[in-house]
Amino acid sequence: MVDPFITWGYPNLRTVKDLIFKRGHGSINKRNSKTRAPLTDNLYIEKVLGKYDIVCLEDLVHEIFTPDSANFKAANDFLHSFKLNAPVGGWKKKGKHFKDGGDFGCRHDQINALLKTLI
């Protein structure tokens, strides 16, 4: 059970866009191993995901934000996990559930405020 160790919620489009633009990394296949590279060039995105009609960062954001889209799996497989730092000042009440005033658990749409500090 991972509940006391993670926090989650439902981010809005602006938060997803900021996260991908500032912290997004894509997969690069080199000699049968996947390495991460920052998403700085639309040409690379078009080269890898062009067959799915994803040609720029905006298209990638749209596919990730719309999980029931036809190309969500391809876009999700292309992106690496996001590496975020702890909030400035650390976690305040990491031993309590969010609904009880703590830090772990479901934050619903309040995840946007947390992600804003982490990005």
PDB file of N, CA and C in Angstrom:
ATOM      1  N   MET A   1       0.840  -1.178   0.000  1.00  0.00           N
ATOM      2  CA  MET A   1       0.000   0.000   0.000  1.00  0.00           C
ATOM      3  C   MET A   1       0.889   1.246   0.000  1.00  0.00           C
ATOM      4  N   VAL A   2       0.685   2.099  -0.978  1.00  0.00           N
ATOM      5  CA  VAL A   2       1.529   3.277  -1.128  1.00  0.00           C
ATOM      6  C   VAL A   2       0.869   4.555  -0.611  1.00  0.00           C
ATOM      7  N   ASP A   3      -0.364   4.480  -0.173  1.00  0.00           N
ATOM      8  CA  ASP A   3      -1.118   5.667   0.221  1.00  0.00           C
ATOM      9  C   ASP A   3      -0.370   6.584   1.190  1.00  0.00           C
ATOM     10  N   PRO A   4       0.285   6.087   2.246  1.00  0.00           N
ATOM     11  CA  PRO A   4       0.943   7.033   3.152  1.00  0.00           C
ATOM     12  C   PRO A   4       2.261   7.604   2.622  1.00  0.00           C
ATOM     13  N   PHE A   5       2.621   7.281   1.390  1.00  0.00           N
ATOM     14  CA  PHE A   5       3.906   7.731   0.864  1.00  0.00           C
ATOM     15  C   PHE A   5       3.791   8.637  -0.354  1.00  0.00           C
ATOM     16  N   ILE A   6       2.595   8.802  -0.920  1.00  0.00           N
ATOM     17  CA  ILE A   6       2.443   9.612  -2.128  1.00  0.00           C
ATOM     18  C   ILE A   6       1.268  10.569  -1.986  1.00  0.00           C
ATOM     19  N   THR A   7       1.263  11.569  -2.832  1.00  0.00           N
ATOM     20  CA  THR A   7       0.124  12.473  -2.942  1.00  0.00           C
ATOM     21  C   THR A   7      -0.246  12.568  -4.416  1.00  0.00           C
ATOM     22  N   TRP A   8      -1.524  12.722  -4.714  1.00  0.00           N
ATOM     23  CA  TRP A   8      -1.974  12.748  -6.103  1.00  0.00           C
ATOM     24  C   TRP A   8      -3.194  13.643  -6.214  1.00  0.00           C
ATOM     25  N   GLY A   9      -3.582  13.915  -7.440  1.00  0.00           N
ATOM     26  CA  GLY A   9      -4.747  14.756  -7.675  1.00  0.00           C
ATOM     27  C   GLY A   9      -5.016  14.878  -9.157  1.00  0.00           C
ATOM     28  N   TYR A  10      -5.839  15.846  -9.522  1.00  0.00           N
ATOM     29  CA  TYR A  10      -6.279  16.045 -10.894  1.00  0.00           C
ATOM     30  C   TYR A  10      -5.790  17.409 -11.380  1.00  0.00           C
ATOM     31  N   PRO A  11      -4.639  17.454 -12.055  1.00  0.00           N
ATOM     32  CA  PRO A  11      -4.097  18.750 -12.484  1.00  0.00           C
ATOM     33  C   PRO A  11      -4.894  19.345 -13.637  1.00  0.00           C
ATOM     34  N   ASN A  12      -4.825  20.662 -13.754  1.00  0.00           N
ATOM     35  CA  ASN A  12      -5.483  21.329 -14.878  1.00  0.00           C
ATOM     36  C   ASN A  12      -4.523  21.396 -16.070  1.00  0.00           C
ATOM     37  N   LEU A  13      -5.013  21.886 -17.187  1.00  0.00           N
ATOM     38  CA  LEU A  13      -4.222  21.932 -18.418  1.00  0.00           C
ATOM     39  C   LEU A  13      -2.979  22.802 -18.252  1.00  0.00           C
ATOM     40  N   ARG A  14      -3.109  23.923 -17.585  1.00  0.00           N
ATOM     41  CA  ARG A  14      -1.968  24.835 -17.389  1.00  0.00           C
ATOM     42  C   ARG A  14      -0.848  24.147 -16.615  1.00  0.00           C
ATOM     43  N   THR A  15      -1.181  23.394 -15.584  1.00  0.00           N
ATOM     44  CA  THR A  15      -0.177  22.699 -14.785  1.00  0.00           C
ATOM     45  C   THR A  15       0.512  21.614 -15.598  1.00  0.00           C
ATOM     46  N   VAL A  16      -0.255  20.857 -16.368  1.00  0.00           N
ATOM     47  CA  VAL A  16       0.331  19.804 -17.211  1.00  0.00           C
ATOM     48  C   VAL A  16       1.264  20.430 -18.242  1.00  0.00           C
ATOM     49  N   LYS A  17       0.843  21.538 -18.824  1.00  0.00           N
ATOM     50  CA  LYS A  17       1.671  22.227 -19.821  1.00  0.00           C
ATOM     51  C   LYS A  17       2.978  22.709 -19.192  1.00  0.00           C
ATOM     52  N   ASP A  18       2.905  23.356 -18.034  1.00  0.00           N
ATOM     53  CA  ASP A  18       4.115  23.822 -17.352  1.00  0.00           C
ATOM     54  C   ASP A  18       5.036  22.664 -16.997  1.00  0.00           C
ATOM     55  N   LEU A  19       4.464  21.582 -16.528  1.00  0.00           N
ATOM     56  CA  LEU A  19       5.253  20.413 -16.142  1.00  0.00           C
ATOM     57  C   LEU A  19       6.005  19.837 -17.334  1.00  0.00           C
ATOM     58  N   ILE A  20       5.340  19.682 -18.463  1.00  0.00           N
ATOM     59  CA  ILE A  20       5.992  19.114 -19.647  1.00  0.00           C
ATOM     60  C   ILE A  20       7.003  20.095 -20.235  1.00  0.00           C
ATOM     61  N   PHE A  21       6.661  21.380 -20.300  1.00  0.00           N
ATOM     62  CA  PHE A  21       7.576  22.361 -20.877  1.00  0.00           C
ATOM     63  C   PHE A  21       8.831  22.539 -20.024  1.00  0.00           C
ATOM     64  N   LYS A  22       8.693  22.542 -18.695  1.00  0.00           N
ATOM     65  CA  LYS A  22       9.833  22.832 -17.829  1.00  0.00           C
ATOM     66  C   LYS A  22      10.581  21.593 -17.352  1.00  0.00           C
ATOM     67  N   ARG A  23       9.880  20.475 -17.160  1.00  0.00           N
ATOM     68  CA  ARG A  23      10.512  19.283 -16.596  1.00  0.00           C
ATOM     69  C   ARG A  23      10.424  18.056 -17.489  1.00  0.00           C
ATOM     70  N   GLY A  24       9.877  18.199 -18.692  1.00  0.00           N
ATOM     71  CA  GLY A  24       9.669  17.053 -19.570  1.00  0.00           C
ATOM     72  C   GLY A  24      10.943  16.556 -20.229  1.00  0.00           C
ATOM     73  N   HIS A  25      11.102  15.245 -20.267  1.00  0.00           N
ATOM     74  CA  HIS A  25      12.203  14.577 -20.956  1.00  0.00           C
ATOM     75  C   HIS A  25      11.625  13.445 -21.786  1.00  0.00           C
ATOM     76  N   GLY A  26      12.196  13.254 -22.961  1.00  0.00           N
ATOM     77  CA  GLY A  26      11.750  12.186 -23.838  1.00  0.00           C
ATOM     78  C   GLY A  26      12.762  11.065 -23.906  1.00  0.00           C
ATOM     79  N   SER A  27      12.335   9.943 -24.457  1.00  0.00           N
ATOM     80  CA  SER A  27      13.197   8.771 -24.594  1.00  0.00           C
ATOM     81  C   SER A  27      14.013   8.861 -25.874  1.00  0.00           C
ATOM     82  N   ILE A  28      15.283   8.571 -25.745  1.00  0.00           N
ATOM     83  CA  ILE A  28      16.168   8.473 -26.899  1.00  0.00           C
ATOM     84  C   ILE A  28      16.747   7.072 -26.891  1.00  0.00           C
ATOM     85  N   ASN A  29      16.552   6.356 -27.981  1.00  0.00           N
ATOM     86  CA  ASN A  29      17.092   4.998 -28.079  1.00  0.00           C
ATOM     87  C   ASN A  29      18.517   5.053 -28.611  1.00  0.00           C
ATOM     88  N   LYS A  30      19.456   4.623 -27.787  1.00  0.00           N
ATOM     89  CA  LYS A  30      20.855   4.542 -28.195  1.00  0.00           C
ATOM     90  C   LYS A  30      21.379   3.166 -27.836  1.00  0.00           C
ATOM     91  N   ARG A  31      21.739   2.420 -28.843  1.00  0.00           N
ATOM     92  CA  ARG A  31      22.331   1.097 -28.641  1.00  0.00           C
ATOM     93  C   ARG A  31      21.519   0.234 -27.682  1.00  0.00           C
ATOM     94  N   ASN A  32      20.253   0.090 -27.985  1.00  0.00           N
ATOM     95  CA  ASN A  32      19.330  -0.767 -27.234  1.00  0.00           C
ATOM     96  C   ASN A  32      19.104  -0.324 -25.794  1.00  0.00           C
ATOM     97  N   SER A  33      19.368   0.918 -25.472  1.00  0.00           N
ATOM     98  CA  SER A  33      19.055   1.424 -24.135  1.00  0.00           C
ATOM     99  C   SER A  33      18.367   2.779 -24.284  1.00  0.00           C
ATOM    100  N   LYS A  34      17.439   3.039 -23.407  1.00  0.00           N
ATOM    101  CA  LYS A  34      16.712   4.304 -23.450  1.00  0.00           C
ATOM    102  C   LYS A  34      17.373   5.290 -22.497  1.00  0.00           C
ATOM    103  N   THR A  35      17.683   6.461 -23.010  1.00  0.00           N
ATOM    104  CA  THR A  35      18.206   7.532 -22.176  1.00  0.00           C
ATOM    105  C   THR A  35      17.242   8.703 -22.256  1.00  0.00           C
ATOM    106  N   ARG A  36      17.350   9.607 -21.294  1.00  0.00           N
ATOM    107  CA  ARG A  36      16.446  10.747 -21.279  1.00  0.00           C
ATOM    108  C   ARG A  36      17.132  11.971 -21.874  1.00  0.00           C
ATOM    109  N   ALA A  37      16.351  12.752 -22.571  1.00  0.00           N
ATOM    110  CA  ALA A  37      16.833  14.002 -23.160  1.00  0.00           C
ATOM    111  C   ALA A  37      15.762  15.069 -22.979  1.00  0.00           C
ATOM    112  N   PRO A  38      16.163  16.294 -22.652  1.00  0.00           N
ATOM    113  CA  PRO A  38      15.168  17.357 -22.480  1.00  0.00           C
ATOM    114  C   PRO A  38      14.417  17.637 -23.777  1.00  0.00           C
ATOM    115  N   LEU A  39      13.174  18.016 -23.632  1.00  0.00           N
ATOM    116  CA  LEU A  39      12.325  18.298 -24.794  1.00  0.00           C
ATOM    117  C   LEU A  39      12.534  19.745 -25.233  1.00  0.00           C
ATOM    118  N   THR A  40      13.577  19.973 -26.010  1.00  0.00           N
ATOM    119  CA  THR A  40      13.897  21.324 -26.451  1.00  0.00           C
ATOM    120  C   THR A  40      13.666  21.530 -27.938  1.00  0.00           C
ATOM    121  N   ASP A  41      13.466  20.456 -28.685  1.00  0.00           N
ATOM    122  CA  ASP A  41      13.390  20.566 -30.136  1.00  0.00           C
ATOM    123  C   ASP A  41      12.151  19.850 -30.664  1.00  0.00           C
ATOM    124  N   ASN A  42      11.289  20.588 -31.346  1.00  0.00           N
ATOM    125  CA  ASN A  42      10.092  19.988 -31.928  1.00  0.00           C
ATOM    126  C   ASN A  42      10.423  19.013 -33.048  1.00  0.00           C
ATOM    127  N   LEU A  43      11.576  19.179 -33.687  1.00  0.00           N
ATOM    128  CA  LEU A  43      11.962  18.268 -34.771  1.00  0.00           C
ATOM    129  C   LEU A  43      12.133  16.844 -34.255  1.00  0.00           C
ATOM    130  N   TYR A  44      12.703  16.705 -33.061  1.00  0.00           N
ATOM    131  CA  TYR A  44      12.871  15.366 -32.497  1.00  0.00           C
ATOM    132  C   TYR A  44      11.516  14.750 -32.148  1.00  0.00           C
ATOM    133  N   ILE A  45      10.630  15.549 -31.590  1.00  0.00           N
ATOM    134  CA  ILE A  45       9.288  15.055 -31.260  1.00  0.00           C
ATOM    135  C   ILE A  45       8.577  14.611 -32.533  1.00  0.00           C
ATOM    136  N   GLU A  46       8.700  15.403 -33.590  1.00  0.00           N
ATOM    137  CA  GLU A  46       8.064  15.040 -34.860  1.00  0.00           C
ATOM    138  C   GLU A  46       8.679  13.767 -35.437  1.00  0.00           C
ATOM    139  N   LYS A  47       9.983  13.618 -35.292  1.00  0.00           N
ATOM    140  CA  LYS A  47      10.664  12.426 -35.814  1.00  0.00           C
ATOM    141  C   LYS A  47      10.185  11.160 -35.107  1.00  0.00           C
ATOM    142  N   VAL A  48      10.055  11.230 -33.797  1.00  0.00           N
ATOM    143  CA  VAL A  48       9.682  10.049 -33.015  1.00  0.00           C
ATOM    144  C   VAL A  48       8.173   9.807 -33.024  1.00  0.00           C
ATOM    145  N   LEU A  49       7.382  10.854 -32.870  1.00  0.00           N
ATOM    146  CA  LEU A  49       5.935  10.710 -32.710  1.00  0.00           C
ATOM    147  C   LEU A  49       5.129  11.217 -33.905  1.00  0.00           C
ATOM    148  N   GLY A  50       5.787  11.564 -34.987  1.00  0.00           N
ATOM    149  CA  GLY A  50       5.098  12.088 -36.165  1.00  0.00           C
ATOM    150  C   GLY A  50       4.079  11.132 -36.745  1.00  0.00           C
ATOM    151  N   LYS A  51       4.344   9.840 -36.653  1.00  0.00           N
ATOM    152  CA  LYS A  51       3.395   8.857 -37.198  1.00  0.00           C
ATOM    153  C   LYS A  51       2.083   8.830 -36.423  1.00  0.00           C
ATOM    154  N   TYR A  52       2.078   9.433 -35.221  1.00  0.00           N
ATOM    155  CA  TYR A  52       0.856   9.539 -34.412  1.00  0.00           C
ATOM    156  C   TYR A  52       0.247  10.942 -34.504  1.00  0.00           C
ATOM    157  N   ASP A  53       0.717  11.755 -35.450  1.00  0.00           N
ATOM    158  CA  ASP A  53       0.281  13.145 -35.633  1.00  0.00           C
ATOM    159  C   ASP A  53       0.611  14.025 -34.433  1.00  0.00           C
ATOM    160  N   ILE A  54       1.703  13.715 -33.749  1.00  0.00           N
ATOM    161  CA  ILE A  54       2.215  14.546 -32.662  1.00  0.00           C
ATOM    162  C   ILE A  54       3.502  15.169 -33.193  1.00  0.00           C
ATOM    163  N   VAL A  55       3.459  16.477 -33.488  1.00  0.00           N
ATOM    164  CA  VAL A  55       4.601  17.108 -34.149  1.00  0.00           C
ATOM    165  C   VAL A  55       5.264  18.213 -33.324  1.00  0.00           C
ATOM    166  N   CYS A  56       4.691  18.562 -32.170  1.00  0.00           N
ATOM    167  CA  CYS A  56       5.286  19.618 -31.348  1.00  0.00           C
ATOM    168  C   CYS A  56       4.907  19.397 -29.883  1.00  0.00           C
ATOM    169  N   LEU A  57       5.473  20.237 -29.021  1.00  0.00           N
ATOM    170  CA  LEU A  57       5.190  20.121 -27.590  1.00  0.00           C
ATOM    171  C   LEU A  57       3.715  20.341 -27.278  1.00  0.00           C
ATOM    172  N   GLU A  58       3.065  21.257 -27.974  1.00  0.00           N
ATOM    173  CA  GLU A  58       1.636  21.506 -27.748  1.00  0.00           C
ATOM    174  C   GLU A  58       0.804  20.260 -28.038  1.00  0.00           C
ATOM    175  N   ASP A  59       1.139  19.542 -29.113  1.00  0.00           N
ATOM    176  CA  ASP A  59       0.429  18.295 -29.428  1.00  0.00           C
ATOM    177  C   ASP A  59       0.664  17.256 -28.342  1.00  0.00           C
ATOM    178  N   LEU A  60       1.894  17.193 -27.839  1.00  0.00           N
ATOM    179  CA  LEU A  60       2.234  16.249 -26.771  1.00  0.00           C
ATOM    180  C   LEU A  60       1.439  16.562 -25.507  1.00  0.00           C
ATOM    181  N   VAL A  61       1.344  17.840 -25.160  1.00  0.00           N
ATOM    182  CA  VAL A  61       0.553  18.257 -23.992  1.00  0.00           C
ATOM    183  C   VAL A  61      -0.905  17.853 -24.179  1.00  0.00           C
ATOM    184  N   HIS A  62      -1.452  18.079 -25.359  1.00  0.00           N
ATOM    185  CA  HIS A  62      -2.852  17.727 -25.630  1.00  0.00           C
ATOM    186  C   HIS A  62      -3.084  16.233 -25.461  1.00  0.00           C
ATOM    187  N   GLU A  63      -2.191  15.406 -25.988  1.00  0.00           N
ATOM    188  CA  GLU A  63      -2.355  13.951 -25.891  1.00  0.00           C
ATOM    189  C   GLU A  63      -2.237  13.467 -24.450  1.00  0.00           C
ATOM    190  N   ILE A  64      -1.346  14.051 -23.670  1.00  0.00           N
ATOM    191  CA  ILE A  64      -1.180  13.641 -22.268  1.00  0.00           C
ATOM    192  C   ILE A  64      -2.367  14.110 -21.433  1.00  0.00           C
ATOM    193  N   PHE A  65      -2.864  15.309 -21.694  1.00  0.00           N
ATOM    194  CA  PHE A  65      -3.979  15.840 -20.906  1.00  0.00           C
ATOM    195  C   PHE A  65      -5.293  15.143 -21.232  1.00  0.00           C
ATOM    196  N   THR A  66      -5.390  14.520 -22.391  1.00  0.00           N
ATOM    197  CA  THR A  66      -6.600  13.825 -22.820  1.00  0.00           C
ATOM    198  C   THR A  66      -6.330  12.324 -22.814  1.00  0.00           C
ATOM    199  N   PRO A  67      -6.455  11.652 -21.662  1.00  0.00           N
ATOM    200  CA  PRO A  67      -6.060  10.238 -21.577  1.00  0.00           C
ATOM    201  C   PRO A  67      -6.909   9.283 -22.398  1.00  0.00           C
ATOM    202  N   ASP A  68      -8.086   9.703 -22.845  1.00  0.00           N
ATOM    203  CA  ASP A  68      -8.890   8.807 -23.673  1.00  0.00           C
ATOM    204  C   ASP A  68      -8.633   9.022 -25.164  1.00  0.00           C
ATOM    205  N   SER A  69      -7.602   9.806 -25.499  1.00  0.00           N
ATOM    206  CA  SER A  69      -7.267  10.022 -26.910  1.00  0.00           C
ATOM    207  C   SER A  69      -6.606   8.774 -27.491  1.00  0.00           C
ATOM    208  N   ALA A  70      -6.605   8.692 -28.793  1.00  0.00           N
ATOM    209  CA  ALA A  70      -6.088   7.500 -29.479  1.00  0.00           C
ATOM    210  C   ALA A  70      -4.581   7.345 -29.324  1.00  0.00           C
ATOM    211  N   ASN A  71      -3.861   8.445 -29.150  1.00  0.00           N
ATOM    212  CA  ASN A  71      -2.398   8.388 -29.107  1.00  0.00           C
ATOM    213  C   ASN A  71      -1.823   8.613 -27.716  1.00  0.00           C
ATOM    214  N   PHE A  72      -2.654   8.492 -26.682  1.00  0.00           N
ATOM    215  CA  PHE A  72      -2.174   8.711 -25.322  1.00  0.00           C
ATOM    216  C   PHE A  72      -1.051   7.748 -24.961  1.00  0.00           C
ATOM    217  N   LYS A  73      -1.193   6.482 -25.283  1.00  0.00           N
ATOM    218  CA  LYS A  73      -0.183   5.489 -24.912  1.00  0.00           C
ATOM    219  C   LYS A  73       1.168   5.797 -25.552  1.00  0.00           C
ATOM    220  N   ALA A  74       1.177   6.180 -26.819  1.00  0.00           N
ATOM    221  CA  ALA A  74       2.434   6.507 -27.498  1.00  0.00           C
ATOM    222  C   ALA A  74       3.098   7.724 -26.853  1.00  0.00           C
ATOM    223  N   ALA A  75       2.308   8.751 -26.536  1.00  0.00           N
ATOM    224  CA  ALA A  75       2.851   9.953 -25.903  1.00  0.00           C
ATOM    225  C   ALA A  75       3.354   9.645 -24.500  1.00  0.00           C
ATOM    226  N   ASN A  76       2.618   8.840 -23.757  1.00  0.00           N
ATOM    227  CA  ASN A  76       3.005   8.475 -22.403  1.00  0.00           C
ATOM    228  C   ASN A  76       4.274   7.626 -22.396  1.00  0.00           C
ATOM    229  N   ASP A  77       4.391   6.704 -23.342  1.00  0.00           N
ATOM    230  CA  ASP A  77       5.590   5.872 -23.429  1.00  0.00           C
ATOM    231  C   ASP A  77       6.818   6.691 -23.809  1.00  0.00           C
ATOM    232  N   PHE A  78       6.630   7.749 -24.572  1.00  0.00           N
ATOM    233  CA  PHE A  78       7.739   8.608 -24.990  1.00  0.00           C
ATOM    234  C   PHE A  78       8.295   9.421 -23.824  1.00  0.00           C
ATOM    235  N   LEU A  79       7.417   9.891 -22.941  1.00  0.00           N
ATOM    236  CA  LEU A  79       7.847  10.732 -21.818  1.00  0.00           C
ATOM    237  C   LEU A  79       8.484   9.901 -20.712  1.00  0.00           C
ATOM    238  N   HIS A  80       9.537  10.442 -20.125  1.00  0.00           N
ATOM    239  CA  HIS A  80      10.127   9.842 -18.927  1.00  0.00           C
ATOM    240  C   HIS A  80       9.377  10.355 -17.701  1.00  0.00           C
ATOM    241  N   SER A  81       9.591   9.707 -16.577  1.00  0.00           N
ATOM    242  CA  SER A  81       9.002  10.177 -15.323  1.00  0.00           C
ATOM    243  C   SER A  81       9.568  11.553 -14.987  1.00  0.00           C
ATOM    244  N   PHE A  82       8.761  12.363 -14.360  1.00  0.00           N
ATOM    245  CA  PHE A  82       9.203  13.699 -13.977  1.00  0.00           C
ATOM    246  C   PHE A  82       9.980  13.620 -12.675  1.00  0.00           C
ATOM    247  N   LYS A  83      11.113  14.293 -12.624  1.00  0.00           N
ATOM    248  CA  LYS A  83      11.912  14.346 -11.403  1.00  0.00           C
ATOM    249  C   LYS A  83      11.679  15.702 -10.752  1.00  0.00           C
ATOM    250  N   LEU A  84      11.038  15.679  -9.597  1.00  0.00           N
ATOM    251  CA  LEU A  84      10.715  16.904  -8.882  1.00  0.00           C
ATOM    252  C   LEU A  84      11.415  16.908  -7.533  1.00  0.00           C
ATOM    253  N   ASN A  85      11.726  18.092  -7.041  1.00  0.00           N
ATOM    254  CA  ASN A  85      12.334  18.230  -5.727  1.00  0.00           C
ATOM    255  C   ASN A  85      11.243  18.377  -4.670  1.00  0.00           C
ATOM    256  N   ALA A  86      11.629  18.193  -3.424  1.00  0.00           N
ATOM    257  CA  ALA A  86      10.694  18.405  -2.317  1.00  0.00           C
ATOM    258  C   ALA A  86      10.339  19.891  -2.248  1.00  0.00           C
ATOM    259  N   PRO A  87       9.188  20.222  -1.691  1.00  0.00           N
ATOM    260  CA  PRO A  87       8.818  21.634  -1.587  1.00  0.00           C
ATOM    261  C   PRO A  87       9.812  22.411  -0.724  1.00  0.00           C
ATOM    262  N   VAL A  88       9.939  23.690  -1.007  1.00  0.00           N
ATOM    263  CA  VAL A  88      10.819  24.545  -0.208  1.00  0.00           C
ATOM    264  C   VAL A  88      10.327  24.520   1.234  1.00  0.00           C
ATOM    265  N   GLY A  89      11.200  24.230   2.151  1.00  0.00           N
ATOM    266  CA  GLY A  89      10.823  24.116   3.554  1.00  0.00           C
ATOM    267  C   GLY A  89      10.428  22.707   3.951  1.00  0.00           C
ATOM    268  N   GLY A  90      10.401  21.794   2.994  1.00  0.00           N
ATOM    269  CA  GLY A  90      10.082  20.395   3.273  1.00  0.00           C
ATOM    270  C   GLY A  90       8.589  20.151   3.425  1.00  0.00           C
ATOM    271  N   TRP A  91       8.254  18.903   3.687  1.00  0.00           N
ATOM    272  CA  TRP A  91       6.865  18.508   3.911  1.00  0.00           C
ATOM    273  C   TRP A  91       6.508  18.861   5.346  1.00  0.00           C
ATOM    274  N   LYS A  92       5.398  19.528   5.545  1.00  0.00           N
ATOM    275  CA  LYS A  92       5.015  20.010   6.878  1.00  0.00           C
ATOM    276  C   LYS A  92       4.460  18.899   7.766  1.00  0.00           C
ATOM    277  N   LYS A  93       3.467  18.180   7.270  1.00  0.00           N
ATOM    278  CA  LYS A  93       2.814  17.144   8.078  1.00  0.00           C
ATOM    279  C   LYS A  93       2.720  15.871   7.265  1.00  0.00           C
ATOM    280  N   LYS A  94       3.859  15.251   7.011  1.00  0.00           N
ATOM    281  CA  LYS A  94       3.866  14.080   6.143  1.00  0.00           C
ATOM    282  C   LYS A  94       3.314  12.833   6.813  1.00  0.00           C
ATOM    283  N   GLY A  95       3.025  12.883   8.085  1.00  0.00           N
ATOM    284  CA  GLY A  95       2.465  11.737   8.784  1.00  0.00           C
ATOM    285  C   GLY A  95       0.946  11.707   8.817  1.00  0.00           C
ATOM    286  N   LYS A  96       0.304  12.743   8.275  1.00  0.00           N
ATOM    287  CA  LYS A  96      -1.156  12.818   8.300  1.00  0.00           C
ATOM    288  C   LYS A  96      -1.703  12.848   6.881  1.00  0.00           C
ATOM    289  N   HIS A  97      -2.908  12.329   6.725  1.00  0.00           N
ATOM    290  CA  HIS A  97      -3.593  12.334   5.434  1.00  0.00           C
ATOM    291  C   HIS A  97      -3.989  13.766   5.078  1.00  0.00           C
ATOM    292  N   PHE A  98      -4.052  14.066   3.781  1.00  0.00           N
ATOM    293  CA  PHE A  98      -4.380  15.421   3.323  1.00  0.00           C
ATOM    294  C   PHE A  98      -5.731  15.895   3.844  1.00  0.00           C
ATOM    295  N   LYS A  99      -6.707  15.008   3.900  1.00  0.00           N
ATOM    296  CA  LYS A  99      -8.033  15.417   4.377  1.00  0.00           C
ATOM    297  C   LYS A  99      -8.025  15.767   5.865  1.00  0.00           C
ATOM    298  N   ASP A 100      -6.968  15.328   6.579  1.00  0.00           N
ATOM    299  CA  ASP A 100      -6.817  15.658   7.999  1.00  0.00           C
ATOM    300  C   ASP A 100      -5.798  16.770   8.221  1.00  0.00           C
ATOM    301  N   GLY A 101      -5.424  17.468   7.165  1.00  0.00           N
ATOM    302  CA  GLY A 101      -4.472  18.567   7.271  1.00  0.00           C
ATOM    303  C   GLY A 101      -3.032  18.167   7.015  1.00  0.00           C
ATOM    304  N   GLY A 102      -2.808  16.960   6.536  1.00  0.00           N
ATOM    305  CA  GLY A 102      -1.453  16.481   6.275  1.00  0.00           C
ATOM    306  C   GLY A 102      -1.036  16.657   4.828  1.00  0.00           C
ATOM    307  N   ASP A 103      -0.034  15.869   4.428  1.00  0.00           N
ATOM    308  CA  ASP A 103       0.538  16.030   3.094  1.00  0.00           C
ATOM    309  C   ASP A 103       0.298  14.874   2.143  1.00  0.00           C
ATOM    310  N   PHE A 104      -0.019  13.676   2.608  1.00  0.00           N
ATOM    311  CA  PHE A 104      -0.187  12.563   1.674  1.00  0.00           C
ATOM    312  C   PHE A 104      -1.665  12.318   1.383  1.00  0.00           C
ATOM    313  N   GLY A 105      -1.921  11.628   0.266  1.00  0.00           N
ATOM    314  CA  GLY A 105      -3.292  11.295  -0.107  1.00  0.00           C
ATOM    315  C   GLY A 105      -3.787  12.116  -1.284  1.00  0.00           C
ATOM    316  N   CYS A 106      -5.066  11.977  -1.572  1.00  0.00           N
ATOM    317  CA  CYS A 106      -5.682  12.632  -2.727  1.00  0.00           C
ATOM    318  C   CYS A 106      -5.943  14.109  -2.442  1.00  0.00           C
ATOM    319  N   ARG A 107      -5.439  14.980  -3.313  1.00  0.00           N
ATOM    320  CA  ARG A 107      -5.614  16.428  -3.178  1.00  0.00           C
ATOM    321  C   ARG A 107      -6.658  16.977  -4.149  1.00  0.00           C
ATOM    322  N   HIS A 108      -7.194  16.134  -5.013  1.00  0.00           N
ATOM    323  CA  HIS A 108      -8.140  16.554  -6.056  1.00  0.00           C
ATOM    324  C   HIS A 108      -7.529  17.688  -6.881  1.00  0.00           C
ATOM    325  N   ASP A 109      -8.214  18.826  -7.017  1.00  0.00           N
ATOM    326  CA  ASP A 109      -7.671  19.904  -7.848  1.00  0.00           C
ATOM    327  C   ASP A 109      -6.662  20.778  -7.107  1.00  0.00           C
ATOM    328  N   GLN A 110      -6.472  20.548  -5.817  1.00  0.00           N
ATOM    329  CA  GLN A 110      -5.483  21.314  -5.064  1.00  0.00           C
ATOM    330  C   GLN A 110      -4.057  20.845  -5.340  1.00  0.00           C
ATOM    331  N   ILE A 111      -3.903  19.809  -6.163  1.00  0.00           N
ATOM    332  CA  ILE A 111      -2.575  19.359  -6.577  1.00  0.00           C
ATOM    333  C   ILE A 111      -1.888  20.441  -7.407  1.00  0.00           C
ATOM    334  N   ASN A 112      -2.675  21.305  -8.048  1.00  0.00           N
ATOM    335  CA  ASN A 112      -2.106  22.375  -8.878  1.00  0.00           C
ATOM    336  C   ASN A 112      -1.232  23.317  -8.060  1.00  0.00           C
ATOM    337  N   ALA A 113      -1.676  23.680  -6.867  1.00  0.00           N
ATOM    338  CA  ALA A 113      -0.890  24.577  -6.016  1.00  0.00           C
ATOM    339  C   ALA A 113       0.415  23.912  -5.589  1.00  0.00           C
ATOM    340  N   LEU A 114       0.367  22.623  -5.262  1.00  0.00           N
ATOM    341  CA  LEU A 114       1.582  21.909  -4.875  1.00  0.00           C
ATOM    342  C   LEU A 114       2.547  21.816  -6.054  1.00  0.00           C
ATOM    343  N   LEU A 115       2.043  21.420  -7.218  1.00  0.00           N
ATOM    344  CA  LEU A 115       2.914  21.287  -8.387  1.00  0.00           C
ATOM    345  C   LEU A 115       3.521  22.625  -8.795  1.00  0.00           C
ATOM    346  N   LYS A 116       2.808  23.702  -8.582  1.00  0.00           N
ATOM    347  CA  LYS A 116       3.343  25.027  -8.898  1.00  0.00           C
ATOM    348  C   LYS A 116       4.608  25.304  -8.082  1.00  0.00           C
ATOM    349  N   THR A 117       4.639  24.865  -6.833  1.00  0.00           N
ATOM    350  CA  THR A 117       5.831  25.069  -6.006  1.00  0.00           C
ATOM    351  C   THR A 117       6.949  24.093  -6.364  1.00  0.00           C
ATOM    352  N   LEU A 118       6.598  22.924  -6.892  1.00  0.00           N
ATOM    353  CA  LEU A 118       7.608  21.913  -7.207  1.00  0.00           C
ATOM    354  C   LEU A 118       8.254  22.125  -8.573  1.00  0.00           C
ATOM    355  N   ILE A 119       7.537  22.747  -9.488  1.00  0.00           N
ATOM    356  CA  ILE A 119       8.072  22.964 -10.839  1.00  0.00           C
ATOM    357  C   ILE A 119       9.008  24.133 -10.777  1.00  0.00           C
TER     358      ILE A 119
END
